Amino acid sequence: MDRAPAYKRPKSSRRSTRPRAITAALFDGFLAGEIAGVCCCSVQTAYHWKSGIRVPSARALKLWKLHRDGQVLTKEFRGFCVRGGELIDPQGQSLTRANIESYQFFLSLSRDYARRLGPAEYDRWWELFQHGSKVA
């Protein structure tokens, strides 16, 4: 007995560009070189993602979204890590959000106090501020 040929869905001549347009919009405003550096791919691949020619993998998209939203530490913070809501510096000191937010307040408070003590103390404070924690 002869079988009827299997039904094949006709190929559509119109393909949806919506997913590619959405992913291409994620990279809008960034250079292909920056995208390539973050996602560990070639500049050509990053350009294809940016222009919508190719769709990036789910891993690359997740990594890019983290970078774009500022949730990845940059080269300036090499040696730092984030654990349990604290920023830990290379020496092992942990900073909470409250520590970081109060830093500016204490800095302005110490500057005002140094101004009240006179120009010599203010100059000393300024030297300490510029050169870090070296105590004169």
N, C-alpha and C. Protein backbone atom coordinates (compact mmCIF):
# COMPACT_ATOMS: atom_id res chain seq x y z
N MET A 1 0.83 -1.17 0.00
CA MET A 1 0.00 0.00 0.00
C MET A 1 0.88 1.24 0.00
N ASP A 2 0.59 2.14 -0.86
CA ASP A 2 1.36 3.38 -0.97
C ASP A 2 0.91 4.38 0.08
N ARG A 3 1.88 5.06 0.64
CA ARG A 3 1.58 6.09 1.64
C ARG A 3 1.51 7.45 0.98
N ALA A 4 0.71 8.26 1.54
CA ALA A 4 0.62 9.62 1.04
C ALA A 4 1.85 10.39 1.53
N PRO A 5 2.35 11.31 0.74
CA PRO A 5 3.51 12.07 1.19
C PRO A 5 3.19 12.87 2.46
N ALA A 6 4.20 12.98 3.31
CA ALA A 6 4.02 13.72 4.56
C ALA A 6 3.76 15.19 4.27
N TYR A 7 2.92 15.76 5.10
CA TYR A 7 2.58 17.17 4.92
C TYR A 7 3.75 18.03 5.37
N LYS A 8 4.15 18.93 4.53
CA LYS A 8 5.20 19.89 4.88
C LYS A 8 4.59 21.27 4.86
N ARG A 9 4.95 22.00 5.88
CA ARG A 9 4.47 23.36 6.00
C ARG A 9 5.13 24.21 4.91
N PRO A 10 4.36 24.99 4.20
CA PRO A 10 4.99 25.84 3.16
C PRO A 10 5.89 26.89 3.81
N LYS A 11 7.02 27.11 3.18
CA LYS A 11 7.95 28.12 3.70
C LYS A 11 7.38 29.51 3.47
N SER A 12 7.44 30.27 4.52
CA SER A 12 6.93 31.63 4.45
C SER A 12 8.00 32.53 3.84
N SER A 13 7.61 33.38 2.97
CA SER A 13 8.57 34.29 2.35
C SER A 13 8.85 35.49 3.25
N ARG A 14 7.96 35.72 4.21
CA ARG A 14 8.13 36.86 5.13
C ARG A 14 8.54 36.33 6.49
N ARG A 15 9.73 36.68 6.91
CA ARG A 15 10.21 36.29 8.23
C ARG A 15 10.06 37.47 9.17
N SER A 16 9.73 37.16 10.38
CA SER A 16 9.57 38.21 11.38
C SER A 16 10.94 38.74 11.78
N THR A 17 11.08 40.04 11.79
CA THR A 17 12.33 40.67 12.21
C THR A 17 12.23 41.19 13.63
N ARG A 18 11.12 40.94 14.28
CA ARG A 18 10.90 41.48 15.62
C ARG A 18 11.95 41.03 16.63
N PRO A 19 12.25 39.72 16.80
CA PRO A 19 13.27 39.35 17.79
C PRO A 19 14.63 39.98 17.50
N ARG A 20 15.01 40.03 16.25
CA ARG A 20 16.29 40.63 15.90
C ARG A 20 16.29 42.13 16.16
N ALA A 21 15.18 42.77 15.91
CA ALA A 21 15.10 44.22 16.16
C ALA A 21 15.17 44.50 17.66
N ILE A 22 14.56 43.64 18.46
CA ILE A 22 14.60 43.84 19.90
C ILE A 22 16.01 43.66 20.43
N THR A 23 16.70 42.59 20.00
CA THR A 23 18.06 42.38 20.48
C THR A 23 19.01 43.43 19.93
N ALA A 24 18.79 43.89 18.71
CA ALA A 24 19.65 44.94 18.15
C ALA A 24 19.49 46.23 18.95
N ALA A 25 18.28 46.48 19.46
CA ALA A 25 18.04 47.70 20.25
C ALA A 25 18.81 47.68 21.57
N LEU A 26 19.11 46.49 22.10
CA LEU A 26 19.88 46.39 23.35
C LEU A 26 21.28 46.97 23.20
N PHE A 27 21.83 46.87 22.00
CA PHE A 27 23.20 47.31 21.75
C PHE A 27 23.27 48.74 21.21
N ASP A 28 22.13 49.36 21.05
CA ASP A 28 22.08 50.71 20.47
C ASP A 28 22.85 51.71 21.34
N GLY A 29 23.71 52.49 20.72
CA GLY A 29 24.46 53.50 21.44
C GLY A 29 25.82 53.05 21.92
N PHE A 30 26.18 51.79 21.69
CA PHE A 30 27.47 51.25 22.10
C PHE A 30 28.26 50.84 20.88
N LEU A 31 29.58 50.97 20.96
CA LEU A 31 30.45 50.57 19.86
C LEU A 31 30.59 49.05 19.82
N ALA A 32 30.78 48.52 18.61
CA ALA A 32 30.94 47.07 18.46
C ALA A 32 32.17 46.57 19.22
N GLY A 33 33.21 47.38 19.30
CA GLY A 33 34.41 46.99 20.04
C GLY A 33 34.14 46.82 21.53
N GLU A 34 33.31 47.69 22.09
CA GLU A 34 32.94 47.57 23.50
C GLU A 34 32.10 46.32 23.74
N ILE A 35 31.17 46.07 22.84
CA ILE A 35 30.33 44.88 22.95
C ILE A 35 31.19 43.62 22.87
N ALA A 36 32.14 43.62 21.94
CA ALA A 36 33.03 42.47 21.77
C ALA A 36 33.89 42.25 23.01
N GLY A 37 34.37 43.32 23.62
CA GLY A 37 35.18 43.20 24.82
C GLY A 37 34.41 42.62 25.99
N VAL A 38 33.16 43.02 26.13
CA VAL A 38 32.34 42.54 27.25
C VAL A 38 31.89 41.10 27.03
N CYS A 39 31.46 40.79 25.81
CA CYS A 39 30.87 39.48 25.53
C CYS A 39 31.88 38.45 25.04
N CYS A 40 33.15 38.82 24.97
CA CYS A 40 34.22 37.90 24.55
C CYS A 40 33.92 37.29 23.18
N CYS A 41 33.69 38.14 22.21
CA CYS A 41 33.46 37.69 20.84
C CYS A 41 34.25 38.61 19.91
N SER A 42 34.23 38.30 18.64
CA SER A 42 34.95 39.16 17.68
C SER A 42 34.15 40.44 17.44
N VAL A 43 34.83 41.45 16.94
CA VAL A 43 34.17 42.72 16.64
C VAL A 43 33.15 42.51 15.52
N GLN A 44 33.46 41.62 14.58
CA GLN A 44 32.54 41.34 13.48
C GLN A 44 31.23 40.72 14.01
N THR A 45 31.35 39.79 14.95
CA THR A 45 30.16 39.18 15.54
C THR A 45 29.35 40.24 16.29
N ALA A 46 30.04 41.08 17.05
CA ALA A 46 29.34 42.15 17.78
C ALA A 46 28.63 43.09 16.82
N TYR A 47 29.27 43.39 15.70
CA TYR A 47 28.64 44.24 14.69
C TYR A 47 27.38 43.56 14.14
N HIS A 48 27.44 42.26 13.90
CA HIS A 48 26.27 41.53 13.40
C HIS A 48 25.13 41.55 14.42
N TRP A 49 25.46 41.42 15.70
CA TRP A 49 24.44 41.50 16.74
C TRP A 49 23.83 42.89 16.75
N LYS A 50 24.69 43.89 16.68
CA LYS A 50 24.25 45.29 16.76
C LYS A 50 23.35 45.66 15.59
N SER A 51 23.67 45.16 14.41
CA SER A 51 22.89 45.51 13.23
C SER A 51 21.69 44.58 13.02
N GLY A 52 21.59 43.51 13.83
CA GLY A 52 20.45 42.61 13.72
C GLY A 52 20.63 41.50 12.71
N ILE A 53 21.82 41.34 12.16
CA ILE A 53 22.08 40.26 11.20
C ILE A 53 22.05 38.92 11.91
N ARG A 54 22.63 38.86 13.10
CA ARG A 54 22.65 37.64 13.90
C ARG A 54 22.04 37.93 15.27
N VAL A 55 21.54 36.89 15.89
CA VAL A 55 20.97 37.00 17.24
C VAL A 55 21.99 36.42 18.22
N PRO A 56 22.34 37.16 19.26
CA PRO A 56 23.31 36.64 20.23
C PRO A 56 22.71 35.52 21.08
N SER A 57 23.61 34.73 21.68
CA SER A 57 23.16 33.65 22.55
C SER A 57 22.53 34.24 23.82
N ALA A 58 21.81 33.40 24.54
CA ALA A 58 21.17 33.85 25.79
C ALA A 58 22.23 34.27 26.81
N ARG A 59 23.36 33.57 26.85
CA ARG A 59 24.44 33.93 27.78
C ARG A 59 25.01 35.30 27.46
N ALA A 60 25.26 35.54 26.17
CA ALA A 60 25.81 36.83 25.77
C ALA A 60 24.83 37.95 26.07
N LEU A 61 23.54 37.72 25.84
CA LEU A 61 22.53 38.74 26.15
C LEU A 61 22.48 39.04 27.63
N LYS A 62 22.54 38.00 28.47
CA LYS A 62 22.49 38.22 29.91
C LYS A 62 23.71 38.99 30.38
N LEU A 63 24.89 38.62 29.88
CA LEU A 63 26.11 39.33 30.26
C LEU A 63 26.05 40.78 29.80
N TRP A 64 25.57 41.03 28.59
CA TRP A 64 25.48 42.40 28.10
C TRP A 64 24.50 43.23 28.92
N LYS A 65 23.35 42.64 29.28
CA LYS A 65 22.37 43.38 30.08
C LYS A 65 22.96 43.75 31.45
N LEU A 66 23.73 42.84 32.04
CA LEU A 66 24.37 43.15 33.32
C LEU A 66 25.35 44.31 33.16
N HIS A 67 26.13 44.28 32.07
CA HIS A 67 27.10 45.35 31.82
C HIS A 67 26.39 46.67 31.53
N ARG A 68 25.39 46.62 30.68
CA ARG A 68 24.67 47.83 30.29
C ARG A 68 24.00 48.50 31.49
N ASP A 69 23.48 47.70 32.40
CA ASP A 69 22.77 48.24 33.56
C ASP A 69 23.71 48.57 34.72
N GLY A 70 25.02 48.44 34.50
CA GLY A 70 26.00 48.82 35.52
C GLY A 70 26.11 47.84 36.67
N GLN A 71 25.81 46.58 36.43
CA GLN A 71 25.87 45.59 37.49
C GLN A 71 27.14 44.74 37.44
N VAL A 72 28.10 45.15 36.62
CA VAL A 72 29.38 44.46 36.52
C VAL A 72 30.47 45.45 36.89
N LEU A 73 31.41 45.04 37.74
CA LEU A 73 32.50 45.92 38.14
C LEU A 73 33.48 46.06 36.97
N THR A 74 33.98 47.28 36.75
CA THR A 74 34.89 47.56 35.64
C THR A 74 36.34 47.33 36.06
N LYS A 75 37.27 47.57 35.13
CA LYS A 75 38.70 47.34 35.38
C LYS A 75 39.22 48.15 36.55
N GLU A 76 38.66 49.32 36.78
CA GLU A 76 39.11 50.17 37.89
C GLU A 76 38.88 49.50 39.23
N PHE A 77 37.96 48.54 39.29
CA PHE A 77 37.65 47.85 40.55
C PHE A 77 38.23 46.43 40.57
N ARG A 78 39.31 46.22 39.85
CA ARG A 78 39.95 44.90 39.85
C ARG A 78 40.40 44.57 41.27
N GLY A 79 40.08 43.39 41.74
CA GLY A 79 40.41 42.99 43.10
C GLY A 79 39.27 43.18 44.07
N PHE A 80 38.28 44.00 43.71
CA PHE A 80 37.10 44.20 44.54
C PHE A 80 36.09 43.09 44.21
N CYS A 81 35.22 42.79 45.16
CA CYS A 81 34.13 41.86 44.88
C CYS A 81 32.91 42.28 45.69
N VAL A 82 31.76 41.78 45.31
CA VAL A 82 30.51 42.08 45.99
C VAL A 82 29.97 40.78 46.54
N ARG A 83 29.75 40.76 47.86
CA ARG A 83 29.19 39.58 48.52
C ARG A 83 28.15 40.02 49.54
N GLY A 84 26.96 39.50 49.41
CA GLY A 84 25.92 39.76 50.39
C GLY A 84 25.61 41.22 50.64
N GLY A 85 25.60 42.03 49.60
CA GLY A 85 25.26 43.44 49.75
C GLY A 85 26.41 44.31 50.25
N GLU A 86 27.64 43.78 50.26
CA GLU A 86 28.80 44.55 50.69
C GLU A 86 29.85 44.55 49.59
N LEU A 87 30.52 45.68 49.44
CA LEU A 87 31.64 45.80 48.52
C LEU A 87 32.91 45.53 49.33
N ILE A 88 33.67 44.53 48.91
CA ILE A 88 34.87 44.14 49.65
C ILE A 88 36.08 44.53 48.83
N ASP A 89 36.98 45.34 49.45
CA ASP A 89 38.17 45.81 48.74
C ASP A 89 39.26 44.73 48.76
N PRO A 90 40.35 44.93 47.99
CA PRO A 90 41.40 43.92 47.92
C PRO A 90 42.06 43.60 49.26
N GLN A 91 42.00 44.50 50.23
CA GLN A 91 42.58 44.25 51.55
C GLN A 91 41.62 43.51 52.47
N GLY A 92 40.39 43.26 52.02
CA GLY A 92 39.42 42.52 52.81
C GLY A 92 38.48 43.39 53.61
N GLN A 93 38.59 44.70 53.51
CA GLN A 93 37.68 45.61 54.22
C GLN A 93 36.34 45.63 53.49
N SER A 94 35.25 45.54 54.23
CA SER A 94 33.94 45.55 53.58
C SER A 94 33.27 46.91 53.78
N LEU A 95 32.59 47.33 52.74
CA LEU A 95 31.85 48.60 52.76
C LEU A 95 30.39 48.31 52.47
N THR A 96 29.52 48.76 53.35
CA THR A 96 28.10 48.62 53.11
C THR A 96 27.60 49.84 52.34
N ARG A 97 26.38 49.80 51.92
CA ARG A 97 25.79 50.94 51.22
C ARG A 97 25.76 52.17 52.13
N ALA A 98 25.46 51.96 53.40
CA ALA A 98 25.41 53.08 54.35
C ALA A 98 26.79 53.71 54.52
N ASN A 99 27.87 52.90 54.55
CA ASN A 99 29.22 53.44 54.65
C ASN A 99 29.53 54.35 53.47
N ILE A 100 29.19 53.89 52.31
CA ILE A 100 29.51 54.65 51.09
C ILE A 100 28.69 55.94 51.04
N GLU A 101 27.40 55.86 51.41
CA GLU A 101 26.55 57.05 51.38
C GLU A 101 26.97 58.09 52.42
N SER A 102 27.46 57.65 53.55
CA SER A 102 27.85 58.59 54.60
C SER A 102 29.24 59.19 54.37
N TYR A 103 30.01 58.63 53.47
CA TYR A 103 31.37 59.12 53.20
C TYR A 103 31.36 60.60 52.82
N GLN A 104 30.49 60.99 51.91
CA GLN A 104 30.43 62.37 51.45
C GLN A 104 30.08 63.32 52.59
N PHE A 105 29.18 62.89 53.45
CA PHE A 105 28.80 63.72 54.59
C PHE A 105 29.99 63.96 55.52
N PHE A 106 30.71 62.90 55.87
CA PHE A 106 31.85 63.05 56.77
C PHE A 106 32.99 63.83 56.13
N LEU A 107 33.13 63.72 54.84
CA LEU A 107 34.16 64.48 54.13
C LEU A 107 33.85 65.98 54.21
N SER A 108 32.61 66.37 53.95
CA SER A 108 32.27 67.79 54.03
C SER A 108 32.32 68.30 55.47
N LEU A 109 31.97 67.45 56.43
CA LEU A 109 32.05 67.83 57.83
C LEU A 109 33.50 68.09 58.25
N SER A 110 34.41 67.22 57.83
CA SER A 110 35.82 67.41 58.18
C SER A 110 36.40 68.65 57.48
N ARG A 111 35.96 68.93 56.26
CA ARG A 111 36.43 70.12 55.55
C ARG A 111 35.97 71.39 56.28
N ASP A 112 34.72 71.43 56.69
CA ASP A 112 34.21 72.60 57.42
C ASP A 112 34.94 72.79 58.74
N TYR A 113 35.21 71.69 59.43
CA TYR A 113 35.94 71.76 60.70
C TYR A 113 37.35 72.30 60.48
N ALA A 114 38.02 71.85 59.42
CA ALA A 114 39.38 72.34 59.12
C ALA A 114 39.35 73.83 58.77
N ARG A 115 38.32 74.28 58.07
CA ARG A 115 38.21 75.71 57.74
C ARG A 115 38.06 76.56 59.00
N ARG A 116 37.30 76.07 59.96
CA ARG A 116 37.09 76.82 61.19
C ARG A 116 38.38 76.92 62.03
N LEU A 117 39.27 75.94 61.89
CA LEU A 117 40.52 75.96 62.65
C LEU A 117 41.54 76.92 62.08
N GLY A 118 41.35 77.36 60.85
CA GLY A 118 42.26 78.35 60.26
C GLY A 118 42.88 77.85 58.96
N PRO A 119 43.53 78.78 58.26
CA PRO A 119 44.09 78.44 56.95
C PRO A 119 45.18 77.37 57.01
N ALA A 120 45.99 77.35 58.05
CA ALA A 120 47.05 76.35 58.15
C ALA A 120 46.46 74.94 58.26
N GLU A 121 45.44 74.80 59.10
CA GLU A 121 44.80 73.48 59.26
C GLU A 121 44.04 73.07 58.00
N TYR A 122 43.44 74.07 57.35
CA TYR A 122 42.75 73.74 56.10
C TYR A 122 43.74 73.28 55.05
N ASP A 123 44.90 73.92 54.94
CA ASP A 123 45.93 73.48 53.99
C ASP A 123 46.40 72.07 54.33
N ARG A 124 46.56 71.79 55.61
CA ARG A 124 46.97 70.45 56.04
C ARG A 124 45.89 69.43 55.67
N TRP A 125 44.62 69.79 55.90
CA TRP A 125 43.53 68.89 55.53
C TRP A 125 43.55 68.64 54.03
N TRP A 126 43.77 69.68 53.24
CA TRP A 126 43.77 69.54 51.78
C TRP A 126 44.90 68.61 51.33
N GLU A 127 46.07 68.73 51.95
CA GLU A 127 47.20 67.84 51.63
C GLU A 127 46.84 66.39 51.94
N LEU A 128 46.24 66.18 53.09
CA LEU A 128 45.81 64.81 53.47
C LEU A 128 44.77 64.28 52.51
N PHE A 129 43.86 65.12 52.10
CA PHE A 129 42.79 64.71 51.17
C PHE A 129 43.37 64.32 49.81
N GLN A 130 44.33 65.12 49.33
CA GLN A 130 44.90 64.86 48.01
C GLN A 130 45.79 63.61 47.99
N HIS A 131 46.52 63.36 49.05
CA HIS A 131 47.51 62.28 49.04
C HIS A 131 47.05 61.04 49.78
N GLY A 132 45.80 60.93 50.09
CA GLY A 132 45.28 59.73 50.73
C GLY A 132 45.44 59.75 52.22
N SER A 133 45.75 58.61 52.79
CA SER A 133 45.74 58.47 54.25
C SER A 133 47.10 58.68 54.90
N LYS A 134 48.06 59.29 54.21
CA LYS A 134 49.37 59.57 54.82
C LYS A 134 49.20 60.68 55.84
N VAL A 135 49.54 60.42 57.06
CA VAL A 135 49.40 61.41 58.14
C VAL A 135 50.70 62.16 58.30
N ALA A 136 50.62 63.49 58.33
CA ALA A 136 51.82 64.32 58.45
C ALA A 136 52.32 64.38 59.88
